[in-house]
Amino acid sequence: MDTVLNLEPMILLDDFEAASIRNLIGQQVGGGAWFAIGQGWQGGKSPISTPDLASAREPGWDGKSLHVQFQVDTSSTSNYSMLGMDFAGSPDGKPQVWRNLTGIDSLTFQMRGRGSLALRFLTRVSSDSCRYETPLELSGSWNHISLNLDTVRVVGNACPTWTEARRQVAGFGFVAHRDAELWLDNLQLYGLLPGELFPNYVW
């Protein structure tokens, strides 16, 4: 056989099988939590319908998935709700440990739902006026999404390029500016070995 098998490294970030606030990375190396934050959500409610994200598991694509509803007060265009995931320890829900994602090829996952979201990377230089994100449209059926990290767009003026910013990424989040609903499953990063993403951990 003159066939070449090309296997690309893959890191499974979460499959939501464990009833934990931590993602799979967090369960292995510590930290690594899911969190919900927002600005100006409706009537003082949580920005996410199930603030205890460890309880937001239900039957999904393959086994269990994460199911949340985003609640946003649309009286201001700056209001948002975000379901976030950090890559390392941050007990207050604010990612603070930076990871170099320059070698990562893509982020893949299964999703369905309703509304519009943006996948936003949380970097050292991120702010309301300087964001790194990719838009996502939700549908009622499960879809396999593969995002090429080279195509992440910069939103804002006088921002460092994405090539520069992706050297210091602490996590990412699914952001809604209007009410939306999301089922999420099987998040995977392609292009890096675990030891490259977490160089201080002995695998």
N, C-alpha and C. Protein backbone atom coordinates (compact mmCIF):
# COMPACT_ATOMS: atom_id res chain seq x y z
N MET A 1 0.85 -1.20 0.00
CA MET A 1 0.00 0.00 0.00
C MET A 1 0.88 1.24 0.00
N ASP A 2 0.61 2.14 -0.92
CA ASP A 2 1.37 3.38 -0.86
C ASP A 2 0.45 4.49 -0.34
N THR A 3 -0.02 4.29 0.89
CA THR A 3 -0.91 5.24 1.56
C THR A 3 -0.19 5.84 2.76
N VAL A 4 -0.30 7.16 2.89
CA VAL A 4 0.32 7.85 4.03
C VAL A 4 -0.78 8.24 5.01
N LEU A 5 -0.60 7.84 6.25
CA LEU A 5 -1.55 8.19 7.31
C LEU A 5 -1.01 9.39 8.06
N ASN A 6 -1.72 10.49 7.99
CA ASN A 6 -1.28 11.73 8.64
C ASN A 6 -2.17 12.00 9.85
N LEU A 7 -1.63 11.81 11.05
CA LEU A 7 -2.39 12.00 12.27
C LEU A 7 -2.02 13.34 12.90
N GLU A 8 -3.00 14.19 13.07
CA GLU A 8 -2.76 15.51 13.66
C GLU A 8 -3.02 15.46 15.15
N PRO A 9 -2.12 16.05 15.98
CA PRO A 9 -2.36 16.05 17.43
C PRO A 9 -3.69 16.71 17.76
N MET A 10 -4.37 16.16 18.79
CA MET A 10 -5.67 16.70 19.20
C MET A 10 -5.74 16.71 20.72
N ILE A 11 -6.29 17.81 21.27
CA ILE A 11 -6.54 17.92 22.71
C ILE A 11 -8.04 18.04 22.91
N LEU A 12 -8.63 17.11 23.64
CA LEU A 12 -10.06 17.18 23.95
C LEU A 12 -10.24 18.12 25.14
N LEU A 13 -10.85 19.28 24.90
CA LEU A 13 -11.05 20.26 25.96
C LEU A 13 -12.20 19.88 26.87
N ASP A 14 -13.28 19.36 26.30
CA ASP A 14 -14.40 18.92 27.14
C ASP A 14 -15.40 18.11 26.32
N ASP A 15 -15.93 17.06 26.95
CA ASP A 15 -17.04 16.31 26.37
C ASP A 15 -18.26 16.33 27.29
N PHE A 16 -18.14 17.02 28.44
CA PHE A 16 -19.24 17.27 29.38
C PHE A 16 -19.78 16.00 30.04
N GLU A 17 -18.99 14.93 30.03
CA GLU A 17 -19.43 13.71 30.69
C GLU A 17 -19.33 13.82 32.21
N ALA A 18 -18.33 14.56 32.71
CA ALA A 18 -18.15 14.71 34.15
C ALA A 18 -19.04 15.83 34.68
N ALA A 19 -19.66 15.59 35.81
CA ALA A 19 -20.50 16.62 36.44
C ALA A 19 -19.63 17.56 37.26
N SER A 20 -18.91 18.42 36.57
CA SER A 20 -17.94 19.30 37.22
C SER A 20 -17.96 20.66 36.53
N ILE A 21 -17.64 21.69 37.28
CA ILE A 21 -17.48 23.02 36.70
C ILE A 21 -16.20 23.09 35.88
N ARG A 22 -15.28 22.17 36.16
CA ARG A 22 -14.01 22.16 35.44
C ARG A 22 -14.15 21.48 34.08
N ASN A 23 -13.39 21.99 33.11
CA ASN A 23 -13.29 21.28 31.85
C ASN A 23 -12.32 20.11 32.01
N LEU A 24 -12.12 19.31 30.98
CA LEU A 24 -11.24 18.15 31.11
C LEU A 24 -9.81 18.56 31.41
N ILE A 25 -9.37 19.69 30.83
CA ILE A 25 -8.02 20.19 31.12
C ILE A 25 -7.90 20.50 32.61
N GLY A 26 -8.92 21.17 33.16
CA GLY A 26 -8.89 21.50 34.57
C GLY A 26 -8.88 20.28 35.47
N GLN A 27 -9.60 19.24 35.06
CA GLN A 27 -9.61 18.02 35.85
C GLN A 27 -8.25 17.33 35.85
N GLN A 28 -7.47 17.53 34.78
CA GLN A 28 -6.16 16.91 34.67
C GLN A 28 -5.06 17.71 35.36
N VAL A 29 -5.05 19.03 35.12
CA VAL A 29 -3.92 19.83 35.57
C VAL A 29 -4.30 20.89 36.61
N GLY A 30 -5.58 20.96 37.00
CA GLY A 30 -6.02 21.96 37.96
C GLY A 30 -6.49 23.22 37.27
N GLY A 31 -7.42 23.93 37.93
CA GLY A 31 -7.99 25.12 37.30
C GLY A 31 -8.89 24.72 36.16
N GLY A 32 -8.82 25.47 35.06
CA GLY A 32 -9.55 25.10 33.86
C GLY A 32 -11.04 25.01 34.04
N ALA A 33 -11.69 26.11 34.36
CA ALA A 33 -13.11 26.09 34.69
C ALA A 33 -13.98 26.72 33.61
N TRP A 34 -15.26 26.33 33.58
CA TRP A 34 -16.29 27.03 32.83
C TRP A 34 -16.87 28.12 33.72
N PHE A 35 -17.23 29.26 33.15
CA PHE A 35 -17.81 30.33 33.95
C PHE A 35 -18.79 31.13 33.09
N ALA A 36 -19.69 31.86 33.76
CA ALA A 36 -20.67 32.71 33.08
C ALA A 36 -20.52 34.13 33.58
N ILE A 37 -20.38 35.06 32.65
CA ILE A 37 -20.32 36.47 33.01
C ILE A 37 -21.19 37.26 32.04
N GLY A 38 -21.49 38.50 32.38
CA GLY A 38 -22.29 39.32 31.48
C GLY A 38 -22.35 40.75 31.94
N GLN A 39 -22.96 41.55 31.10
CA GLN A 39 -23.14 42.97 31.40
C GLN A 39 -24.56 43.35 31.03
N GLY A 40 -25.31 43.90 31.99
CA GLY A 40 -26.66 44.37 31.72
C GLY A 40 -27.63 43.28 31.36
N TRP A 41 -27.60 42.15 32.07
CA TRP A 41 -28.56 41.10 31.74
C TRP A 41 -29.94 41.44 32.29
N GLN A 42 -30.93 40.68 31.87
CA GLN A 42 -32.33 41.05 32.06
C GLN A 42 -32.77 40.97 33.53
N GLY A 43 -33.29 42.07 34.04
CA GLY A 43 -33.95 42.08 35.34
C GLY A 43 -33.12 41.54 36.48
N GLY A 44 -31.79 41.70 36.41
CA GLY A 44 -30.94 41.21 37.48
C GLY A 44 -30.73 39.71 37.48
N LYS A 45 -31.22 39.00 36.44
CA LYS A 45 -31.01 37.56 36.34
C LYS A 45 -29.54 37.27 36.04
N SER A 46 -29.18 36.01 36.21
CA SER A 46 -27.85 35.59 35.77
C SER A 46 -27.78 35.72 34.26
N PRO A 47 -26.58 36.04 33.71
CA PRO A 47 -26.47 36.13 32.25
C PRO A 47 -26.65 34.79 31.55
N ILE A 48 -26.50 33.70 32.29
CA ILE A 48 -26.70 32.35 31.76
C ILE A 48 -27.81 31.69 32.57
N SER A 49 -28.69 30.97 31.88
CA SER A 49 -29.88 30.43 32.54
C SER A 49 -29.56 29.45 33.67
N THR A 50 -28.44 28.75 33.55
CA THR A 50 -28.04 27.80 34.60
C THR A 50 -26.68 28.22 35.13
N PRO A 51 -26.65 29.14 36.10
CA PRO A 51 -25.36 29.65 36.59
C PRO A 51 -24.45 28.54 37.12
N ASP A 52 -25.05 27.48 37.70
CA ASP A 52 -24.27 26.33 38.14
C ASP A 52 -24.02 25.46 36.91
N LEU A 53 -22.95 25.76 36.20
CA LEU A 53 -22.71 25.11 34.91
C LEU A 53 -22.44 23.61 35.05
N ALA A 54 -22.10 23.17 36.25
CA ALA A 54 -21.95 21.73 36.46
C ALA A 54 -23.29 21.02 36.33
N SER A 55 -24.40 21.76 36.49
CA SER A 55 -25.74 21.17 36.38
C SER A 55 -26.33 21.32 34.99
N ALA A 56 -25.60 21.96 34.09
CA ALA A 56 -26.15 22.25 32.76
C ALA A 56 -25.86 21.15 31.76
N ARG A 57 -25.70 19.92 32.25
CA ARG A 57 -25.45 18.78 31.38
C ARG A 57 -26.76 18.07 31.08
N GLU A 58 -26.88 17.60 29.86
CA GLU A 58 -28.05 16.80 29.48
C GLU A 58 -27.69 15.97 28.27
N PRO A 59 -28.52 14.97 27.91
CA PRO A 59 -28.20 14.16 26.73
C PRO A 59 -27.93 15.04 25.51
N GLY A 60 -26.88 14.70 24.78
CA GLY A 60 -26.46 15.57 23.67
C GLY A 60 -26.07 14.82 22.43
N TRP A 61 -25.06 15.33 21.75
CA TRP A 61 -24.61 14.75 20.49
C TRP A 61 -24.13 13.32 20.71
N ASP A 62 -23.26 13.14 21.67
CA ASP A 62 -22.68 11.83 21.94
C ASP A 62 -22.49 11.74 23.45
N GLY A 63 -23.43 11.14 24.15
CA GLY A 63 -23.39 11.17 25.60
C GLY A 63 -24.07 12.43 26.11
N LYS A 64 -23.33 13.25 26.86
CA LYS A 64 -23.91 14.47 27.41
C LYS A 64 -23.36 15.70 26.70
N SER A 65 -24.15 16.78 26.74
CA SER A 65 -23.71 18.07 26.20
C SER A 65 -24.01 19.14 27.24
N LEU A 66 -23.49 20.35 27.02
CA LEU A 66 -23.78 21.50 27.86
C LEU A 66 -24.92 22.28 27.23
N HIS A 67 -25.96 22.59 28.02
CA HIS A 67 -27.12 23.31 27.50
C HIS A 67 -27.36 24.54 28.35
N VAL A 68 -27.27 25.74 27.72
CA VAL A 68 -27.50 26.99 28.44
C VAL A 68 -28.33 27.93 27.57
N GLN A 69 -28.98 28.89 28.23
CA GLN A 69 -29.66 29.98 27.54
C GLN A 69 -29.00 31.30 27.96
N PHE A 70 -28.74 32.14 26.98
CA PHE A 70 -28.14 33.45 27.23
C PHE A 70 -29.26 34.47 27.42
N GLN A 71 -29.15 35.28 28.47
CA GLN A 71 -30.17 36.28 28.80
C GLN A 71 -29.52 37.66 28.73
N VAL A 72 -30.00 38.49 27.80
CA VAL A 72 -29.37 39.79 27.56
C VAL A 72 -30.41 40.90 27.55
N ASP A 73 -30.13 41.97 28.26
CA ASP A 73 -30.94 43.18 28.20
C ASP A 73 -30.48 43.97 26.98
N THR A 74 -31.34 44.09 25.97
CA THR A 74 -30.94 44.72 24.70
C THR A 74 -31.16 46.24 24.69
N SER A 75 -31.40 46.84 25.86
CA SER A 75 -31.57 48.29 25.90
C SER A 75 -30.27 49.03 25.59
N SER A 76 -29.14 48.33 25.67
CA SER A 76 -27.85 48.91 25.29
C SER A 76 -27.10 47.93 24.42
N THR A 77 -26.49 48.43 23.35
CA THR A 77 -25.76 47.53 22.44
C THR A 77 -24.50 46.97 23.07
N SER A 78 -24.06 47.55 24.20
CA SER A 78 -22.84 47.05 24.85
C SER A 78 -23.13 45.88 25.79
N ASN A 79 -24.40 45.59 26.06
CA ASN A 79 -24.74 44.49 26.96
C ASN A 79 -24.46 43.14 26.29
N TYR A 80 -24.06 42.17 27.09
CA TYR A 80 -23.76 40.85 26.55
C TYR A 80 -23.87 39.80 27.64
N SER A 81 -23.93 38.54 27.24
CA SER A 81 -23.78 37.40 28.12
C SER A 81 -22.72 36.49 27.52
N MET A 82 -21.89 35.88 28.37
CA MET A 82 -20.82 35.02 27.86
C MET A 82 -20.69 33.75 28.68
N LEU A 83 -20.60 32.64 27.97
CA LEU A 83 -20.22 31.35 28.53
C LEU A 83 -18.74 31.18 28.23
N GLY A 84 -17.89 31.19 29.26
CA GLY A 84 -16.45 31.18 29.04
C GLY A 84 -15.78 29.94 29.57
N MET A 85 -14.61 29.64 29.02
CA MET A 85 -13.78 28.53 29.46
C MET A 85 -12.36 29.01 29.58
N ASP A 86 -11.73 28.80 30.76
CA ASP A 86 -10.33 29.17 30.88
C ASP A 86 -9.44 27.93 30.75
N PHE A 87 -8.19 28.18 30.40
CA PHE A 87 -7.24 27.09 30.17
C PHE A 87 -6.48 26.70 31.43
N ALA A 88 -6.54 27.49 32.48
CA ALA A 88 -5.75 27.18 33.67
C ALA A 88 -6.37 27.84 34.89
N GLY A 89 -5.69 27.72 36.04
CA GLY A 89 -6.27 28.12 37.31
C GLY A 89 -6.65 29.57 37.40
N SER A 90 -7.89 29.86 37.82
CA SER A 90 -8.34 31.21 38.12
C SER A 90 -9.62 31.10 38.93
N PRO A 91 -9.50 31.04 40.26
CA PRO A 91 -10.66 30.76 41.10
C PRO A 91 -11.77 31.80 41.03
N ASP A 92 -11.45 33.03 40.59
CA ASP A 92 -12.48 34.08 40.54
C ASP A 92 -13.15 34.17 39.18
N GLY A 93 -12.89 33.22 38.29
CA GLY A 93 -13.53 33.21 36.98
C GLY A 93 -12.92 34.17 35.98
N LYS A 94 -11.75 34.74 36.30
CA LYS A 94 -11.08 35.66 35.38
C LYS A 94 -9.79 35.01 34.89
N PRO A 95 -9.76 34.55 33.65
CA PRO A 95 -8.57 33.87 33.15
C PRO A 95 -7.33 34.75 33.27
N GLN A 96 -6.25 34.18 33.82
CA GLN A 96 -5.04 34.97 34.06
C GLN A 96 -3.77 34.25 33.65
N VAL A 97 -3.86 33.01 33.18
CA VAL A 97 -2.67 32.27 32.80
C VAL A 97 -2.64 32.19 31.28
N TRP A 98 -1.58 32.68 30.67
CA TRP A 98 -1.54 32.85 29.23
C TRP A 98 -0.93 31.63 28.54
N ARG A 99 -1.53 31.22 27.43
CA ARG A 99 -1.07 30.08 26.65
C ARG A 99 -0.78 30.53 25.22
N ASN A 100 0.22 29.90 24.63
CA ASN A 100 0.63 30.24 23.26
C ASN A 100 -0.13 29.34 22.29
N LEU A 101 -1.04 29.94 21.51
CA LEU A 101 -1.84 29.17 20.56
C LEU A 101 -1.36 29.31 19.12
N THR A 102 -0.13 29.79 18.93
CA THR A 102 0.33 30.02 17.55
C THR A 102 0.45 28.72 16.76
N GLY A 103 0.65 27.59 17.42
CA GLY A 103 0.79 26.33 16.70
C GLY A 103 -0.51 25.60 16.48
N ILE A 104 -1.63 26.14 17.00
CA ILE A 104 -2.90 25.44 16.88
C ILE A 104 -3.55 25.71 15.52
N ASP A 105 -4.04 24.67 14.90
CA ASP A 105 -4.63 24.77 13.58
C ASP A 105 -6.11 25.14 13.64
N SER A 106 -6.88 24.44 14.48
CA SER A 106 -8.33 24.67 14.48
C SER A 106 -8.94 24.27 15.81
N LEU A 107 -10.13 24.81 16.06
CA LEU A 107 -10.97 24.44 17.20
C LEU A 107 -12.25 23.85 16.62
N THR A 108 -12.61 22.64 17.05
CA THR A 108 -13.81 22.00 16.52
C THR A 108 -14.76 21.67 17.66
N PHE A 109 -16.06 21.62 17.34
CA PHE A 109 -17.07 21.25 18.32
C PHE A 109 -18.38 20.95 17.62
N GLN A 110 -19.31 20.35 18.36
CA GLN A 110 -20.68 20.13 17.89
C GLN A 110 -21.56 21.15 18.58
N MET A 111 -22.52 21.75 17.84
CA MET A 111 -23.43 22.69 18.47
C MET A 111 -24.77 22.73 17.76
N ARG A 112 -25.78 23.14 18.51
CA ARG A 112 -27.09 23.46 17.95
C ARG A 112 -27.73 24.49 18.87
N GLY A 113 -28.86 25.06 18.45
CA GLY A 113 -29.53 26.04 19.30
C GLY A 113 -30.33 27.04 18.49
N ARG A 114 -30.39 28.27 19.00
CA ARG A 114 -31.11 29.34 18.30
C ARG A 114 -30.40 30.66 18.57
N GLY A 115 -30.42 31.54 17.58
CA GLY A 115 -29.82 32.86 17.75
C GLY A 115 -28.43 32.94 17.15
N SER A 116 -27.73 34.01 17.53
CA SER A 116 -26.38 34.27 17.01
C SER A 116 -25.42 34.44 18.18
N LEU A 117 -24.21 33.91 18.00
CA LEU A 117 -23.15 34.04 19.00
C LEU A 117 -21.87 34.45 18.29
N ALA A 118 -20.88 34.83 19.08
CA ALA A 118 -19.52 35.00 18.58
C ALA A 118 -18.61 34.18 19.48
N LEU A 119 -17.68 33.45 18.88
CA LEU A 119 -16.64 32.78 19.66
C LEU A 119 -15.51 33.78 19.85
N ARG A 120 -15.25 34.16 21.09
CA ARG A 120 -14.27 35.20 21.40
C ARG A 120 -13.10 34.61 22.18
N PHE A 121 -11.89 34.91 21.72
CA PHE A 121 -10.70 34.48 22.45
C PHE A 121 -10.31 35.54 23.46
N LEU A 122 -9.99 35.10 24.67
CA LEU A 122 -9.66 35.99 25.77
C LEU A 122 -8.15 36.08 25.85
N THR A 123 -7.61 37.23 25.50
CA THR A 123 -6.17 37.42 25.41
C THR A 123 -5.71 38.51 26.36
N ARG A 124 -4.40 38.63 26.48
CA ARG A 124 -3.84 39.66 27.35
C ARG A 124 -4.28 41.06 26.92
N VAL A 125 -4.49 41.25 25.63
CA VAL A 125 -4.82 42.60 25.13
C VAL A 125 -6.31 42.77 24.85
N SER A 126 -7.13 41.76 25.19
CA SER A 126 -8.57 41.88 24.94
C SER A 126 -9.19 42.98 25.79
N SER A 127 -10.18 43.66 25.21
CA SER A 127 -10.95 44.67 25.92
C SER A 127 -12.25 44.88 25.14
N ASP A 128 -13.13 45.74 25.65
CA ASP A 128 -14.37 46.01 24.93
C ASP A 128 -14.10 46.62 23.57
N SER A 129 -12.99 47.32 23.44
CA SER A 129 -12.66 47.99 22.17
C SER A 129 -11.65 47.21 21.34
N CYS A 130 -11.26 46.03 21.80
CA CYS A 130 -10.25 45.25 21.08
C CYS A 130 -10.56 43.77 21.30
N ARG A 131 -11.22 43.14 20.30
CA ARG A 131 -11.69 41.78 20.48
C ARG A 131 -11.19 40.90 19.33
N TYR A 132 -11.09 39.60 19.64
CA TYR A 132 -10.65 38.61 18.66
C TYR A 132 -11.72 37.53 18.61
N GLU A 133 -12.48 37.48 17.51
CA GLU A 133 -13.66 36.61 17.52
C GLU A 133 -14.07 36.16 16.12
N THR A 134 -14.98 35.19 16.13
CA THR A 134 -15.55 34.63 14.91
C THR A 134 -17.05 34.48 15.12
N PRO A 135 -17.90 34.97 14.18
CA PRO A 135 -19.35 34.85 14.36
C PRO A 135 -19.84 33.42 14.14
N LEU A 136 -20.91 33.06 14.86
CA LEU A 136 -21.52 31.74 14.75
C LEU A 136 -23.04 31.90 14.66
N GLU A 137 -23.67 31.19 13.74
CA GLU A 137 -25.13 31.16 13.64
C GLU A 137 -25.61 29.80 14.10
N LEU A 138 -26.57 29.79 15.01
CA LEU A 138 -27.09 28.55 15.57
C LEU A 138 -28.30 28.07 14.77
N SER A 139 -28.46 26.76 14.70
CA SER A 139 -29.64 26.17 14.06
C SER A 139 -30.18 25.07 14.96
N GLY A 140 -31.39 24.61 14.66
CA GLY A 140 -32.05 23.62 15.51
C GLY A 140 -31.45 22.24 15.43
N SER A 141 -30.61 21.97 14.45
CA SER A 141 -30.01 20.64 14.32
C SER A 141 -28.53 20.70 14.67
N TRP A 142 -27.98 19.56 15.07
CA TRP A 142 -26.56 19.50 15.43
C TRP A 142 -25.69 19.76 14.20
N ASN A 143 -24.67 20.58 14.38
CA ASN A 143 -23.70 20.86 13.32
C ASN A 143 -22.29 20.67 13.86
N HIS A 144 -21.42 20.13 13.02
CA HIS A 144 -20.00 20.03 13.37
C HIS A 144 -19.30 21.29 12.88
N ILE A 145 -18.73 22.05 13.80
CA ILE A 145 -18.08 23.31 13.46
C ILE A 145 -16.57 23.13 13.55
N SER A 146 -15.86 23.56 12.53
CA SER A 146 -14.40 23.55 12.53
C SER A 146 -13.93 24.96 12.20
N LEU A 147 -13.33 25.63 13.20
CA LEU A 147 -12.88 27.00 13.03
C LEU A 147 -11.37 27.04 12.84
N ASN A 148 -10.94 27.50 11.70
CA ASN A 148 -9.51 27.70 11.45
C ASN A 148 -9.04 28.91 12.25
N LEU A 149 -8.11 28.72 13.17
CA LEU A 149 -7.70 29.82 14.04
C LEU A 149 -6.95 30.91 13.29
N ASP A 150 -6.52 30.63 12.07
CA ASP A 150 -5.86 31.68 11.28
C ASP A 150 -6.86 32.71 10.77
N THR A 151 -8.17 32.39 10.82
CA THR A 151 -9.17 33.29 10.26
C THR A 151 -9.91 34.10 11.32
N VAL A 152 -9.48 34.01 12.58
CA VAL A 152 -10.10 34.82 13.63
C VAL A 152 -9.94 36.30 13.27
N ARG A 153 -11.01 37.08 13.41
CA ARG A 153 -10.94 38.47 13.00
C ARG A 153 -10.74 39.39 14.19
N VAL A 154 -10.09 40.50 13.93
CA VAL A 154 -9.85 41.52 14.94
C VAL A 154 -10.96 42.55 14.86
N VAL A 155 -11.61 42.85 15.99
CA VAL A 155 -12.67 43.85 16.05
C VAL A 155 -12.18 45.00 16.91
N GLY A 156 -12.00 46.15 16.29
CA GLY A 156 -11.51 47.32 17.03
C GLY A 156 -10.38 48.00 16.29
N ASN A 157 -10.05 49.19 16.74
CA ASN A 157 -9.00 49.98 16.12
C ASN A 157 -7.72 49.93 16.95
N ALA A 158 -6.60 50.05 16.29
CA ALA A 158 -5.28 50.10 16.94
C ALA A 158 -5.04 48.89 17.84
N CYS A 159 -5.54 47.72 17.42
CA CYS A 159 -5.34 46.49 18.18
C CYS A 159 -4.12 45.75 17.65
N PRO A 160 -3.41 45.02 18.51
CA PRO A 160 -2.39 44.12 17.99
C PRO A 160 -3.02 43.11 17.03
N THR A 161 -2.25 42.61 16.10
CA THR A 161 -2.77 41.61 15.17
C THR A 161 -3.12 40.33 15.94
N TRP A 162 -3.95 39.49 15.32
CA TRP A 162 -4.28 38.21 15.93
C TRP A 162 -3.03 37.34 16.05
N THR A 163 -2.12 37.45 15.09
CA THR A 163 -0.87 36.69 15.17
C THR A 163 -0.11 37.01 16.44
N GLU A 164 -0.10 38.29 16.82
CA GLU A 164 0.56 38.69 18.07
C GLU A 164 -0.26 38.27 19.28
N ALA A 165 -1.57 38.51 19.23
CA ALA A 165 -2.42 38.28 20.40
C ALA A 165 -2.53 36.80 20.76
N ARG A 166 -2.46 35.91 19.76
CA ARG A 166 -2.68 34.50 20.04
C ARG A 166 -1.51 33.85 20.78
N ARG A 167 -0.45 34.60 21.00
CA ARG A 167 0.65 34.08 21.83
C ARG A 167 0.31 34.13 23.31
N GLN A 168 -0.72 34.90 23.67
CA GLN A 168 -1.08 35.06 25.07
C GLN A 168 -2.61 34.97 25.22
N VAL A 169 -3.10 33.73 25.15
CA VAL A 169 -4.53 33.47 25.24
C VAL A 169 -4.80 32.74 26.56
N ALA A 170 -5.85 33.18 27.27
CA ALA A 170 -6.19 32.56 28.54
C ALA A 170 -7.40 31.64 28.44
N GLY A 171 -8.15 31.74 27.36
CA GLY A 171 -9.35 30.93 27.19
C GLY A 171 -10.20 31.50 26.08
N PHE A 172 -11.46 31.10 26.04
CA PHE A 172 -12.36 31.64 25.04
C PHE A 172 -13.77 31.64 25.60
N GLY A 173 -14.68 32.32 24.90
CA GLY A 173 -16.06 32.38 25.36
C GLY A 173 -17.03 32.47 24.20
N PHE A 174 -18.24 31.97 24.43
CA PHE A 174 -19.34 32.11 23.48
C PHE A 174 -20.15 33.32 23.95
N VAL A 175 -20.22 34.37 23.13
CA VAL A 175 -20.79 35.66 23.53
C VAL A 175 -22.08 35.91 22.76
N ALA A 176 -23.12 36.36 23.49
CA ALA A 176 -24.40 36.71 22.88
C ALA A 176 -24.74 38.16 23.22
N HIS A 177 -25.22 38.90 22.21
CA HIS A 177 -25.71 40.26 22.43
C HIS A 177 -27.24 40.31 22.41
N ARG A 178 -27.87 39.18 22.12
CA ARG A 178 -29.31 39.01 22.23
C ARG A 178 -29.58 37.63 22.83
N ASP A 179 -30.79 37.41 23.34
CA ASP A 179 -31.12 36.10 23.90
C ASP A 179 -30.80 35.01 22.88
N ALA A 180 -30.23 33.92 23.37
CA ALA A 180 -29.88 32.79 22.51
C ALA A 180 -29.86 31.53 23.36
N GLU A 181 -29.83 30.39 22.68
CA GLU A 181 -29.80 29.11 23.37
C GLU A 181 -28.77 28.23 22.68
N LEU A 182 -27.97 27.52 23.49
CA LEU A 182 -26.85 26.75 22.95
C LEU A 182 -26.77 25.38 23.59
N TRP A 183 -26.63 24.34 22.74
CA TRP A 183 -26.18 23.02 23.16
C TRP A 183 -24.78 22.85 22.59
N LEU A 184 -23.84 22.39 23.41
CA LEU A 184 -22.43 22.35 23.03
C LEU A 184 -21.84 21.01 23.42
N ASP A 185 -21.00 20.45 22.54
CA ASP A 185 -20.43 19.13 22.83
C ASP A 185 -19.08 18.97 22.13
N ASN A 186 -18.22 18.15 22.73
CA ASN A 186 -16.97 17.67 22.13
C ASN A 186 -16.07 18.78 21.57
N LEU A 187 -15.61 19.64 22.45
CA LEU A 187 -14.66 20.68 22.04
C LEU A 187 -13.26 20.09 21.92
N GLN A 188 -12.61 20.33 20.78
CA GLN A 188 -11.29 19.78 20.53
C GLN A 188 -10.40 20.83 19.88
N LEU A 189 -9.13 20.88 20.32
CA LEU A 189 -8.12 21.72 19.69
C LEU A 189 -7.21 20.84 18.85
N TYR A 190 -6.93 21.25 17.62
CA TYR A 190 -6.06 20.48 16.74
C TYR A 190 -4.75 21.25 16.49
N GLY A 191 -3.66 20.52 16.51
CA GLY A 191 -2.37 21.10 16.12
C GLY A 191 -1.32 21.14 17.21
N LEU A 192 -1.70 20.95 18.48
CA LEU A 192 -0.74 20.96 19.59
C LEU A 192 -0.88 19.70 20.42
N LEU A 193 0.23 19.23 20.94
CA LEU A 193 0.20 18.18 21.95
C LEU A 193 -0.10 18.81 23.31
N PRO A 194 -0.67 18.04 24.24
CA PRO A 194 -0.94 18.59 25.58
C PRO A 194 0.29 19.20 26.24
N GLY A 195 1.45 18.59 26.04
CA GLY A 195 2.67 19.10 26.64
C GLY A 195 3.10 20.45 26.10
N GLU A 196 2.64 20.79 24.89
CA GLU A 196 2.95 22.11 24.33
C GLU A 196 2.00 23.17 24.88
N LEU A 197 0.76 22.77 25.12
CA LEU A 197 -0.20 23.72 25.68
C LEU A 197 0.04 23.93 27.18
N PHE A 198 0.49 22.86 27.86
CA PHE A 198 0.76 22.92 29.29
C PHE A 198 2.17 22.42 29.56
N PRO A 199 3.19 23.27 29.26
CA PRO A 199 4.58 22.81 29.32
C PRO A 199 5.07 22.48 30.72
N ASN A 200 4.41 22.97 31.77
CA ASN A 200 4.87 22.72 33.13
C ASN A 200 4.29 21.45 33.74
N TYR A 201 3.46 20.77 32.98
CA TYR A 201 2.81 19.55 33.50
C TYR A 201 3.49 18.33 32.92
N VAL A 202 3.74 17.33 33.76
CA VAL A 202 4.37 16.09 33.31
C VAL A 202 3.28 15.13 32.83
N TRP A 203 3.27 14.83 31.55
CA TRP A 203 2.23 13.97 30.98
C TRP A 203 2.71 12.51 30.97
